[in-house]
C-alpha atoms as a PDB file:
ATOM      1  CA  MET A   1      92.707  79.509 103.367  1.00  0.00           C
ATOM      2  CA  PRO A   2      93.062  83.136 104.908  1.00  0.00           C
ATOM      3  CA  HIS A   3      93.031  85.754 102.221  1.00  0.00           C
ATOM      4  CA  HIS A   4      95.168  88.697 103.467  1.00  0.00           C
ATOM      5  CA  VAL A   5      95.959  91.558 101.216  1.00  0.00           C
ATOM      6  CA  THR A   6      98.764  93.997 101.601  1.00  0.00           C
ATOM      7  CA  THR A   7      99.316  97.301  99.839  1.00  0.00           C
ATOM      8  CA  LEU A   8     102.974  98.252  99.218  1.00  0.00           C
ATOM      9  CA  TRP A   9     103.812 101.709  98.293  1.00  0.00           C
ATOM     10  CA  HIS A  10     107.401 102.174  96.771  1.00  0.00           C
ATOM     11  CA  VAL A  11     108.280 106.032  97.189  1.00  0.00           C
ATOM     12  CA  ALA A  12     111.212 108.002  95.853  1.00  0.00           C
ATOM     13  CA  THR A  13     109.419 111.372  96.204  1.00  0.00           C
ATOM     14  CA  GLU A  14     108.526 113.882  98.726  1.00  0.00           C
ATOM     15  CA  SER A  15     105.022 114.184  97.905  1.00  0.00           C
ATOM     16  CA  PRO A  16     103.442 110.911  96.914  1.00  0.00           C
ATOM     17  CA  ALA A  17      99.925 112.491  96.652  1.00  0.00           C
ATOM     18  CA  GLN A  18     100.915 114.714  93.944  1.00  0.00           C
ATOM     19  CA  ALA A  19     101.150 111.736  91.352  1.00  0.00           C
ATOM     20  CA  PHE A  20      97.264 111.652  91.613  1.00  0.00           C
ATOM     21  CA  THR A  21      96.607 115.196  91.029  1.00  0.00           C
ATOM     22  CA  THR A  22      98.159 115.411  87.674  1.00  0.00           C
ATOM     23  CA  GLY A  23      95.525 113.581  85.656  1.00  0.00           C
ATOM     24  CA  VAL A  24      98.391 111.182  83.876  1.00  0.00           C
ATOM     25  CA  PRO A  25      97.114 107.575  83.808  1.00  0.00           C
ATOM     26  CA  ALA A  26      99.163 104.723  85.293  1.00  0.00           C
ATOM     27  CA  ASP A  27     102.035 103.536  82.987  1.00  0.00           C
ATOM     28  CA  PRO A  28     101.663 100.096  81.576  1.00  0.00           C
ATOM     29  CA  GLY A  29     105.231  99.428  80.636  1.00  0.00           C
ATOM     30  CA  PHE A  30     106.846  99.552  84.035  1.00  0.00           C
ATOM     31  CA  PRO A  31     104.234  97.293  85.826  1.00  0.00           C
ATOM     32  CA  ARG A  32     104.975  94.576  82.890  1.00  0.00           C
ATOM     33  CA  ARG A  33     108.912  94.705  83.833  1.00  0.00           C
ATOM     34  CA  VAL A  34     107.777  94.473  87.622  1.00  0.00           C
ATOM     35  CA  LEU A  35     105.717  91.405  86.685  1.00  0.00           C
ATOM     36  CA  SER A  36     108.476  89.848  84.654  1.00  0.00           C
ATOM     37  CA  LYS A  37     110.728  90.008  87.828  1.00  0.00           C
ATOM     38  CA  LEU A  38     107.994  88.445  90.125  1.00  0.00           C
ATOM     39  CA  TYR A  39     106.532  85.763  87.710  1.00  0.00           C
ATOM     40  CA  PRO A  40     109.251  85.104  84.927  1.00  0.00           C
ATOM     41  CA  THR A  41     107.518  81.864  83.708  1.00  0.00           C
ATOM     42  CA  ALA A  42     103.752  82.624  84.318  1.00  0.00           C
ATOM     43  CA  THR A  43     101.242  83.834  81.647  1.00  0.00           C
ATOM     44  CA  ILE A  44     100.147  87.323  82.824  1.00  0.00           C
ATOM     45  CA  SER A  45      96.777  88.882  81.561  1.00  0.00           C
ATOM     46  CA  GLN A  46      95.450  92.209  82.000  1.00  0.00           C
ATOM     47  CA  LEU A  47      92.119  92.709  83.989  1.00  0.00           C
ATOM     48  CA  GLY A  48      91.579  96.412  83.320  1.00  0.00           C
ATOM     49  CA  GLU A  49      92.265  99.916  84.785  1.00  0.00           C
ATOM     50  CA  PHE A  50      90.366 101.278  87.789  1.00  0.00           C
ATOM     51  CA  PRO A  51      90.856 103.259  90.862  1.00  0.00           C
ATOM     52  CA  LEU A  52      92.489 101.395  93.768  1.00  0.00           C
ATOM     53  CA  ASN A  53      90.452 103.560  96.378  1.00  0.00           C
ATOM     54  CA  ARG A  54      87.201 102.565  94.932  1.00  0.00           C
ATOM     55  CA  SER A  55      87.526  98.851  93.746  1.00  0.00           C
ATOM     56  CA  ALA A  56      87.545  95.401  95.443  1.00  0.00           C
ATOM     57  CA  SER A  57      90.736  94.242  96.812  1.00  0.00           C
ATOM     58  CA  ALA A  58      93.292  92.203  94.810  1.00  0.00           C
ATOM     59  CA  GLY A  59      92.021  88.568  94.921  1.00  0.00           C
ATOM     60  CA  GLU A  60      93.900  85.168  94.685  1.00  0.00           C
ATOM     61  CA  GLY A  61      96.195  85.276  91.570  1.00  0.00           C
ATOM     62  CA  GLU A  62      95.658  88.868  91.134  1.00  0.00           C
ATOM     63  CA  ILE A  63      98.038  91.851  91.569  1.00  0.00           C
ATOM     64  CA  TYR A  64      97.398  95.687  91.115  1.00  0.00           C
ATOM     65  CA  ILE A  65     100.197  97.938  90.141  1.00  0.00           C
ATOM     66  CA  GLY A  66     100.152 101.760  89.657  1.00  0.00           C
ATOM     67  CA  ALA A  67     103.371 103.366  88.464  1.00  0.00           C
ATOM     68  CA  PHE A  68     104.271 106.952  88.588  1.00  0.00           C
ATOM     69  CA  PRO A  69     107.113 109.310  88.741  1.00  0.00           C
ATOM     70  CA  GLY A  70     108.638 108.547  92.039  1.00  0.00           C
ATOM     71  CA  LEU A  71     105.799 106.385  93.188  1.00  0.00           C
ATOM     72  CA  THR A  72     104.675 102.579  92.525  1.00  0.00           C
ATOM     73  CA  VAL A  73     101.732 101.131  94.453  1.00  0.00           C
ATOM     74  CA  ILE A  74     101.389  97.092  94.515  1.00  0.00           C
ATOM     75  CA  GLN A  75      98.457  95.429  95.954  1.00  0.00           C
ATOM     76  CA  THR A  76      98.793  91.578  96.344  1.00  0.00           C
ATOM     77  CA  SER A  77      97.517  88.765  98.663  1.00  0.00           C
ATOM     78  CA  GLU A  78     101.000  87.162  98.546  1.00  0.00           C
ATOM     79  CA  CYS A  79     102.418  89.109 101.258  1.00  0.00           C
ATOM     80  CA  ASP A  80     101.717  88.229 105.078  1.00  0.00           C
ATOM     81  CA  ALA A  81      99.459  90.823 106.082  1.00  0.00           C
ATOM     82  CA  LEU A  82      99.505  90.021 109.826  1.00  0.00           C
ATOM     83  CA  ARG A  83     103.252  90.317 110.354  1.00  0.00           C
ATOM     84  CA  PRO A  84     104.726  92.694 107.941  1.00  0.00           C
ATOM     85  CA  SER A  85     108.208  92.270 109.445  1.00  0.00           C
ATOM     86  CA  GLU A  86     108.105  88.681 107.667  1.00  0.00           C
ATOM     87  CA  ILE A  87     107.229  90.019 104.051  1.00  0.00           C
ATOM     88  CA  ASP A  88     109.689  88.402 101.580  1.00  0.00           C
ATOM     89  CA  GLU A  89     112.605  90.788 100.807  1.00  0.00           C
ATOM     90  CA  LYS A  90     111.776  90.794  96.911  1.00  0.00           C
ATOM     91  CA  TRP A  91     108.783  92.811  97.705  1.00  0.00           C
ATOM     92  CA  ILE A  92     110.714  95.522  99.356  1.00  0.00           C
ATOM     93  CA  SER A  93     113.687  95.637  96.983  1.00  0.00           C
ATOM     94  CA  LEU A  94     111.322  95.157  93.741  1.00  0.00           C
ATOM     95  CA  VAL A  95     111.177  98.761  92.542  1.00  0.00           C
ATOM     96  CA  GLY A  96     114.479 100.237  94.177  1.00  0.00           C
ATOM     97  CA  ALA A  97     112.842 103.146  96.060  1.00  0.00           C
ATOM     98  CA  PRO A  98     114.522 104.265  99.164  1.00  0.00           C
ATOM     99  CA  ASP A  99     111.370 104.037 101.333  1.00  0.00           C
ATOM    100  CA  VAL A 100     108.666 101.378 101.297  1.00  0.00           C
ATOM    101  CA  TYR A 101     105.319 101.233 103.299  1.00  0.00           C
ATOM    102  CA  ALA A 102     103.151  98.487 103.756  1.00  0.00           C
ATOM    103  CA  PHE A 103      99.390  98.765 105.085  1.00  0.00           C
ATOM    104  CA  ALA A 104      97.140  95.730 105.532  1.00  0.00           C
ATOM    105  CA  PHE A 105      93.683  95.005 107.129  1.00  0.00           C
ATOM    106  CA  ASP A 106      92.582  91.471 107.854  1.00  0.00           C
ATOM    107  CA  ALA A 107      88.711  91.511 108.008  1.00  0.00           C
ATOM    108  CA  ASP A 108      88.387  87.928 109.744  1.00  0.00           C
ATOM    109  CA  SER A 109      90.694  88.735 112.524  1.00  0.00           C
ATOM    110  CA  GLU A 110      90.085  92.411 112.475  1.00  0.00           C
ATOM    111  CA  VAL A 111      93.943  92.929 112.559  1.00  0.00           C
ATOM    112  CA  SER A 112      95.418  96.232 111.231  1.00  0.00           C
ATOM    113  CA  ALA A 113      99.115  96.485 110.162  1.00  0.00           C
ATOM    114  CA  PHE A 114     101.399  99.043 108.892  1.00  0.00           C
ATOM    115  CA  ALA A 115     105.383  99.043 108.284  1.00  0.00           C
ATOM    116  CA  HIS A 116     107.961 101.153 106.987  1.00  0.00           C
ATOM    117  CA  TRP A 117     111.517 100.241 105.265  1.00  0.00           C
ATOM    118  CA  HIS A 118     114.444 102.733 104.497  1.00  0.00           C
ATOM    119  CA  GLU A 119     117.018 101.704 102.399  1.00  0.00           C
ATOM    120  CA  GLY A 120     115.917  98.099 102.870  1.00  0.00           C
ATOM    121  CA  LYS A 121     116.026  98.017 106.610  1.00  0.00           C
ATOM    122  CA  LEU A 122     112.778  97.681 108.678  1.00  0.00           C
ATOM    123  CA  GLN A 123     112.267 100.890 110.637  1.00  0.00           C
ATOM    124  CA  ARG A 124     108.722 100.241 112.089  1.00  0.00           C
ATOM    125  CA  SER A 125     106.265  97.468 112.066  1.00  0.00           C
ATOM    126  CA  PHE A 126     103.065  97.337 114.096  1.00  0.00           C
ATOM    127  CA  SER A 127     100.235  94.758 113.933  1.00  0.00           C
ATOM    128  CA  ALA A 128      97.022  94.685 116.177  1.00  0.00           C
ATOM    129  CA  ALA A 129      93.570  94.070 116.697  1.00  0.00           C
ATOM    130  CA  ASN A 130      91.479  95.788 119.238  1.00  0.00           C
ATOM    131  CA  ASN A 131      92.461  93.515 122.105  1.00  0.00           C
ATOM    132  CA  ARG A 132      95.945  91.934 121.175  1.00  0.00           C
ATOM    133  CA  ILE A 133      99.254  93.101 119.383  1.00  0.00           C
ATOM    134  CA  VAL A 134     100.401  90.672 116.958  1.00  0.00           C
ATOM    135  CA  GLU A 135     103.735  92.464 116.162  1.00  0.00           C
ATOM    136  CA  ASP A 136     105.352  95.486 117.580  1.00  0.00           C
ATOM    137  CA  GLU A 137     108.669  96.125 115.998  1.00  0.00           C
ATOM    138  CA  GLY A 138     110.993  99.256 115.869  1.00  0.00           C
ATOM    139  CA  ILE A 139     110.435 102.531 117.380  1.00  0.00           C
ATOM    140  CA  PRO A 140     107.095 104.256 117.360  1.00  0.00           C
ATOM    141  CA  ALA A 141     106.696 107.280 114.999  1.00  0.00           C
ATOM    142  CA  GLY A 142     105.777 110.585 116.306  1.00  0.00           C
ATOM    143  CA  PHE A 143     102.193 110.264 115.103  1.00  0.00           C
ATOM    144  CA  GLU A 144     101.615 107.229 117.409  1.00  0.00           C
ATOM    145  CA  LEU A 145     102.404 109.138 120.487  1.00  0.00           C
ATOM    146  CA  PRO A 146      98.523 110.281 121.021  1.00  0.00           C
ATOM    147  CA  PHE A 147      97.312 106.790 120.437  1.00  0.00           C
ATOM    148  CA  TRP A 148      99.819 105.092 123.005  1.00  0.00           C
ATOM    149  CA  SER A 149      99.152 108.135 125.770  1.00  0.00           C
ATOM    150  CA  GLY A 150      95.411 107.481 125.578  1.00  0.00           C
ATOM    151  CA  GLU A 151      94.437 110.834 123.862  1.00  0.00           C
ATOM    152  CA  ARG A 152      92.749 108.647 121.104  1.00  0.00           C
ATOM    153  CA  PRO A 153      90.816 106.025 123.018  1.00  0.00           C
ATOM    154  CA  LEU A 154      88.562 103.576 121.648  1.00  0.00           C
ATOM    155  CA  GLU A 155      84.800 104.223 121.299  1.00  0.00           C
ATOM    156  CA  ASP A 156      82.727 103.738 124.494  1.00  0.00           C
ATOM    157  CA  ASP A 157      80.986 100.528 123.298  1.00  0.00           C
ATOM    158  CA  ALA A 158      84.376  99.025 122.720  1.00  0.00           C
ATOM    159  CA  GLY A 159      85.916  99.655 126.080  1.00  0.00           C
ATOM    160  CA  ASP A 160      84.297  96.845 127.959  1.00  0.00           C
ATOM    161  CA  ASP A 161      87.080  94.445 127.012  1.00  0.00           C
ATOM    162  CA  PRO A 162      89.830  94.223 129.682  1.00  0.00           C
ATOM    163  CA  LEU A 163      92.468  93.380 127.192  1.00  0.00           C
ATOM    164  CA  ALA A 164      91.565  96.121 124.908  1.00  0.00           C
ATOM    165  CA  LEU A 165      94.279  98.490 123.556  1.00  0.00           C
ATOM    166  CA  PRO A 166      94.078 102.287 124.581  1.00  0.00           C
ATOM    167  CA  PHE A 167      93.196 103.172 120.858  1.00  0.00           C
ATOM    168  CA  SER A 168      91.847 101.665 117.820  1.00  0.00           C
ATOM    169  CA  PRO A 169      94.643  99.951 115.569  1.00  0.00           C
ATOM    170  CA  ALA A 170      92.383 100.652 112.634  1.00  0.00           C
ATOM    171  CA  GLU A 171      92.436 104.173 113.328  1.00  0.00           C
ATOM    172  CA  LEU A 172      96.128 104.234 113.934  1.00  0.00           C
ATOM    173  CA  LEU A 173      96.531 102.561 110.436  1.00  0.00           C
ATOM    174  CA  SER A 174      94.699 105.275 108.868  1.00  0.00           C
ATOM    175  CA  THR A 175      96.749 107.684 110.420  1.00  0.00           C
ATOM    176  CA  ALA A 176      99.963 106.143 109.455  1.00  0.00           C
ATOM    177  CA  HIS A 177      98.841 106.122 105.944  1.00  0.00           C
ATOM    178  CA  THR A 178      98.103 110.028 105.910  1.00  0.00           C
ATOM    179  CA  GLU A 179     101.102 110.835 107.838  1.00  0.00           C
ATOM    180  CA  TRP A 180     103.561 108.694 105.537  1.00  0.00           C
ATOM    181  CA  LEU A 181     101.943 109.442 102.297  1.00  0.00           C
ATOM    182  CA  GLY A 182      99.964 112.543 102.654  1.00  0.00           C
ATOM    183  CA  PHE A 183      96.532 111.381 101.922  1.00  0.00           C
ATOM    184  CA  GLU A 184      94.046 108.781 103.035  1.00  0.00           C
ATOM    185  CA  LEU A 185      93.206 105.972 100.844  1.00  0.00           C
ATOM    186  CA  SER A 186      89.299 105.966 100.722  1.00  0.00           C
ATOM    187  CA  PRO A 187      86.560 106.170  98.310  1.00  0.00           C
ATOM    188  CA  ASP A 188      86.083 109.957  98.952  1.00  0.00           C
ATOM    189  CA  GLY A 189      89.780 110.701  98.574  1.00  0.00           C
ATOM    190  CA  LEU A 190      92.173 110.965  95.746  1.00  0.00           C
ATOM    191  CA  ASP A 191      91.568 108.428  92.870  1.00  0.00           C
ATOM    192  CA  VAL A 192      94.515 106.039  92.633  1.00  0.00           C
ATOM    193  CA  PRO A 193      94.496 104.643  89.059  1.00  0.00           C
ATOM    194  CA  VAL A 194      96.143 101.143  88.976  1.00  0.00           C
ATOM    195  CA  LEU A 195      96.314  98.448  86.272  1.00  0.00           C
ATOM    196  CA  GLY A 196      95.098  94.956  87.428  1.00  0.00           C
ATOM    197  CA  TYR A 197      96.821  91.668  86.351  1.00  0.00           C
ATOM    198  CA  ALA A 198      96.130  88.025  86.756  1.00  0.00           C
ATOM    199  CA  THR A 199      98.890  85.645  87.341  1.00  0.00           C
ATOM    200  CA  ASP A 200      96.964  82.346  86.894  1.00  0.00           C
ATOM    201  CA  GLY A 201      96.376  81.962  83.299  1.00  0.00           C
ATOM    202  CA  ARG A 202      92.883  83.284  83.021  1.00  0.00           C
ATOM    203  CA  ARG A 203      91.565  85.031  79.960  1.00  0.00           C
ATOM    204  CA  GLU A 204      92.742  88.509  79.340  1.00  0.00           C
ATOM    205  CA  VAL A 205      90.010  91.489  79.529  1.00  0.00           C
ATOM    206  CA  ARG A 206      90.461  93.976  76.465  1.00  0.00           C
ATOM    207  CA  ALA A 207      89.453  97.381  77.090  1.00  0.00           C
ATOM    208  CA  ALA A 208      86.837  98.847  74.661  1.00  0.00           C
ATOM    209  CA  HIS A 209      88.618 101.885  74.108  1.00  0.00           C
ATOM    210  CA  PRO A 210      92.328 102.582  74.514  1.00  0.00           C
ATOM    211  CA  PRO A 211      93.728 105.229  76.769  1.00  0.00           C
ATOM    212  CA  THR A 212      94.074 108.780  75.570  1.00  0.00           C
ATOM    213  CA  GLY A 213      95.721 111.870  76.685  1.00  0.00           C
ATOM    214  CA  PRO A 214      99.077 112.624  78.381  1.00  0.00           C
ATOM    215  CA  ALA A 215     101.238 109.615  78.636  1.00  0.00           C
ATOM    216  CA  MET A 216     103.995 108.894  81.349  1.00  0.00           C
ATOM    217  CA  HIS A 217     106.960 106.702  80.566  1.00  0.00           C
ATOM    218  CA  LEU A 218     109.161 105.239  83.125  1.00  0.00           C
ATOM    219  CA  SER A 219     112.661 104.779  82.388  1.00  0.00           C
ATOM    220  CA  GLY A 220     113.451 102.123  84.764  1.00  0.00           C
ATOM    221  CA  ASP A 221     114.514 103.216  88.309  1.00  0.00           C
ATOM    222  CA  ALA A 222     112.015 104.962  90.615  1.00  0.00           C
ATOM    223  CA  GLY A 223     111.460 108.563  90.166  1.00  0.00           C
ATOM    224  CA  HIS A 224     112.623 108.694  86.395  1.00  0.00           C
ATOM    225  CA  ALA A 225     109.775 109.675  84.165  1.00  0.00           C
ATOM    226  CA  GLU A 226     108.846 111.899  81.406  1.00  0.00           C
ATOM    227  CA  ILE A 227     105.526 113.163  80.273  1.00  0.00           C
ATOM    228  CA  GLU A 228     104.515 113.673  76.662  1.00  0.00           C
ATOM    229  CA  GLU A 229     101.397 114.954  75.106  1.00  0.00           C
ATOM    230  CA  GLN A 230     100.016 112.777  72.204  1.00  0.00           C
ATOM    231  CA  GLY A 231     101.463 114.267  69.301  1.00  0.00           C
ATOM    232  CA  ASP A 232     104.145 115.837  70.724  1.00  0.00           C
ATOM    233  CA  SER A 233     107.220 116.841  68.620  1.00  0.00           C
ATOM    234  CA  ALA A 234     109.330 114.366  70.592  1.00  0.00           C
ATOM    235  CA  ALA A 235     107.296 111.747  69.288  1.00  0.00           C
ATOM    236  CA  GLY A 236     109.775 111.439  66.312  1.00  0.00           C
ATOM    237  CA  GLY A 237     107.397 111.059  63.582  1.00  0.00           C
ATOM    238  CA  ALA A 238     105.081 108.276  65.068  1.00  0.00           C
ATOM    239  CA  SER A 239     103.288 106.433  62.420  1.00  0.00           C
ATOM    240  CA  GLU A 240      99.596 106.529  62.000  1.00  0.00           C
ATOM    241  CA  GLU A 241      99.448 103.076  63.333  1.00  0.00           C
ATOM    242  CA  THR A 242     101.005 104.112  66.628  1.00  0.00           C
ATOM    243  CA  ALA A 243      99.947 107.681  66.651  1.00  0.00           C
ATOM    244  CA  SER A 244      96.648 106.889  68.582  1.00  0.00           C
ATOM    245  CA  SER A 245      98.493 105.392  71.488  1.00  0.00           C
ATOM    246  CA  PRO A 246      99.640 107.769  74.246  1.00  0.00           C
ATOM    247  CA  TYR A 247     102.235 105.105  75.048  1.00  0.00           C
ATOM    248  CA  ALA A 248     103.633 105.178  71.779  1.00  0.00           C
ATOM    249  CA  HIS A 249     106.995 105.725  73.229  1.00  0.00           C
ATOM    250  CA  ASP A 250     107.046 103.378  76.105  1.00  0.00           C
ATOM    251  CA  ASP A 251     109.415 100.418  76.155  1.00  0.00           C
ATOM    252  CA  TYR A 252     106.486  97.779  76.209  1.00  0.00           C
ATOM    253  CA  GLU A 253     104.611  99.589  73.628  1.00  0.00           C
ATOM    254  CA  ARG A 254     107.478  99.791  71.317  1.00  0.00           C
ATOM    255  CA  ALA A 255     108.314  96.026  71.906  1.00  0.00           C
ATOM    256  CA  ALA A 256     104.825  95.199  70.877  1.00  0.00           C
ATOM    257  CA  ALA A 257     104.801  97.417  67.809  1.00  0.00           C
ATOM    258  CA  ALA A 258     108.099  96.100  66.851  1.00  0.00           C
ATOM    259  CA  LYS A 259     106.835  92.459  66.902  1.00  0.00           C
ATOM    260  CA  GLU A 260     103.756  93.442  64.886  1.00  0.00           C
ATOM    261  CA  GLN A 261     105.993  95.333  62.142  1.00  0.00           C
ATOM    262  CA  PRO A 262     107.219  92.108  60.150  1.00  0.00           C
ATOM    263  CA  LEU A 263     103.693  90.897  59.908  1.00  0.00           C
ATOM    264  CA  ARG A 264     102.605  94.192  58.574  1.00  0.00           C
ATOM    265  CA  GLU A 265     105.429  94.180  56.120  1.00  0.00           C
ATOM    266  CA  SER A 266     104.934  90.643  55.238  1.00  0.00           C
ATOM    267  CA  ALA A 267     101.170  91.429  54.538  1.00  0.00           C
ATOM    268  CA  ARG A 268     102.215  94.379  52.259  1.00  0.00           C
ATOM    269  CA  ALA A 269     104.842  92.445  50.487  1.00  0.00           C
ATOM    270  CA  ALA A 270     102.212  89.591  49.820  1.00  0.00           C
ATOM    271  CA  ALA A 271      99.756  92.171  48.591  1.00  0.00           C
ATOM    272  CA  SER A 272     102.410  93.706  46.160  1.00  0.00           C
ATOM    273  CA  ARG A 273     103.305  90.110  44.774  1.00  0.00           C
ATOM    274  CA  ALA A 274      99.655  89.242  44.315  1.00  0.00           C
ATOM    275  CA  LYS A 275      98.925  92.587  42.344  1.00  0.00           C
ATOM    276  CA  GLU A 276     102.239  92.120  40.144  1.00  0.00           C
ATOM    277  CA  ALA A 277     101.378  88.656  39.273  1.00  0.00           C
ATOM    278  CA  GLY A 278      97.858  89.670  38.347  1.00  0.00           C
ATOM    279  CA  GLY A 279      99.328  92.152  35.934  1.00  0.00           C
ATOM    280  CA  ILE A 280     101.563  89.715  34.452  1.00  0.00           C
ATOM    281  CA  ALA A 281      98.944  87.020  34.051  1.00  0.00           C
ATOM    282  CA  ALA A 282      96.541  90.023  32.350  1.00  0.00           C
ATOM    283  CA  ARG A 283      99.309  90.954  29.836  1.00  0.00           C
ATOM    284  CA  GLY A 284      99.663  87.200  29.004  1.00  0.00           C
ATOM    285  CA  MET A 285      96.234  86.723  28.271  1.00  0.00           C
ATOM    286  CA  GLY A 286      96.270  89.817  26.195  1.00  0.00           C
ATOM    287  CA  ARG A 287      99.219  88.409  24.099  1.00  0.00           C
ATOM    288  CA  LEU A 288      97.692  85.068  23.771  1.00  0.00           C
ATOM    289  CA  ALA A 289      94.216  86.545  22.615  1.00  0.00           C
ATOM    290  CA  LYS A 290      96.288  88.387  20.049  1.00  0.00           C
ATOM    291  CA  LEU A 291      98.360  85.652  18.866  1.00  0.00           C
ATOM    292  CA  THR A 292      95.143  83.379  18.533  1.00  0.00           C
ATOM    293  CA  LYS A 293      93.330  86.194  16.426  1.00  0.00           C
ATOM    294  CA  ASP A 294      96.370  86.275  14.086  1.00  0.00           C
ATOM    295  CA  GLN A 295      96.448  82.604  13.600  1.00  0.00           C
ATOM    296  CA  ILE A 296      92.765  82.516  12.876  1.00  0.00           C
ATOM    297  CA  GLY A 297      93.362  85.239  10.292  1.00  0.00           C
ATOM    298  CA  ARG A 298      96.196  83.266   8.662  1.00  0.00           C
ATOM    299  CA  LEU A 299      94.116  80.125   8.491  1.00  0.00           C
ATOM    300  CA  GLU A 300      91.301  81.958   6.679  1.00  0.00           C
ATOM    301  CA  ASP A 301      93.475  83.342   4.110  1.00  0.00           C
ATOM    302  CA  ARG A 302      95.050  79.792   3.352  1.00  0.00           C
ATOM    303  CA  SER A 303      91.434  78.414   2.850  1.00  0.00           C
ATOM    304  CA  ARG A 304      90.477  81.046   0.524  1.00  0.00           C
ATOM    305  CA  ARG A 305      93.766  80.428  -1.669  1.00  0.00           C
ATOM    306  CA  GLU A 306      93.108  76.654  -1.647  1.00  0.00           C
ATOM    307  CA  ARG A 307      89.467  77.164  -2.970  1.00  0.00           C
END
C-alpha cells in the first residue's frame, strides 16, 4: 500500500510563523478535542512531543498535531497526497479556521502537491512530478508566475526529458509553503513543536519529565488562546498536586484532575477511618487491661479473707 503523508495548516492569523518564536509549547488539550472528532471510538495513545521539521513523517496509524494561537498543524497519512482537491471535507472544516493549506510530497512517485482553501472553498490545487501534472485546479497564485514563465527552470541534468515541466514541482512546493505561511519547513528552519498520537491502540509512551514553563490554553475556536506563566495569579490557588503542571487550567488537564480527585479523597477518607479505628481499639484494650487488673485484685482479696 502506498504511504502518502499530508501536512495541513489551519490558519486564523496573519503571521503563522510567529507561533514558533514565542517558546510556548504545543497545547495538549486542543488536540485531544480534535482527536475526539476524528476518532470518537478509538483508543488514543500519545507518542511524545517533538519538532515536526526534524522528525520522521507520521506513519500508518499515527497523527501529529500542533495547536497554537490562530494556528493548528496536522500531519496524517489518511489524506490523498496526490490529489489535494479530493481530501475529505472533514479535514478542511475540522478546526474552523478561515484558511487551510495542504502540502505533500510522495517519495515513490516524486509528486509534489499543495492546495489552499478559503472559507471551505478550494482556491488552488496543484500536484505534479517533474514530467507530468497530476492535478491543476484553480487560478495560479502570483508566486507561481516565474515558474510557469520559465524563469525558474529545472537543473541542466534534468532537462533531457521531453515531457519535463519548465520548473521543479518540489521547488514550487517549497515556495508555496514560504509564501503562504511565512517560513520554510526544514531542519534548519523554525522548530515546529507537535504532539504525536497513535490511533491503532498501541501502548502509550510516557514522558520522563513533564513540560514546564509558559502554558497556552486554547478555548475552542481557532485564534482563541491565552498564555499563563506557571504560578500566575490567575491560577486561582492551584493545589500543590497541580501546581507543577503548566496545563493546570487546560480543559483536558482539568478533566483528568477532576477524575483523580474522588480517588484521592477516597484514599484520605479510608486513611482517616483506619486511624480512628486504631484509636478506638487502643482505648478499648486499655479499658480491658484495667478491668482485668481490678478483677484480679478482688479475687486476691477474697482469697485472703477465706483463708
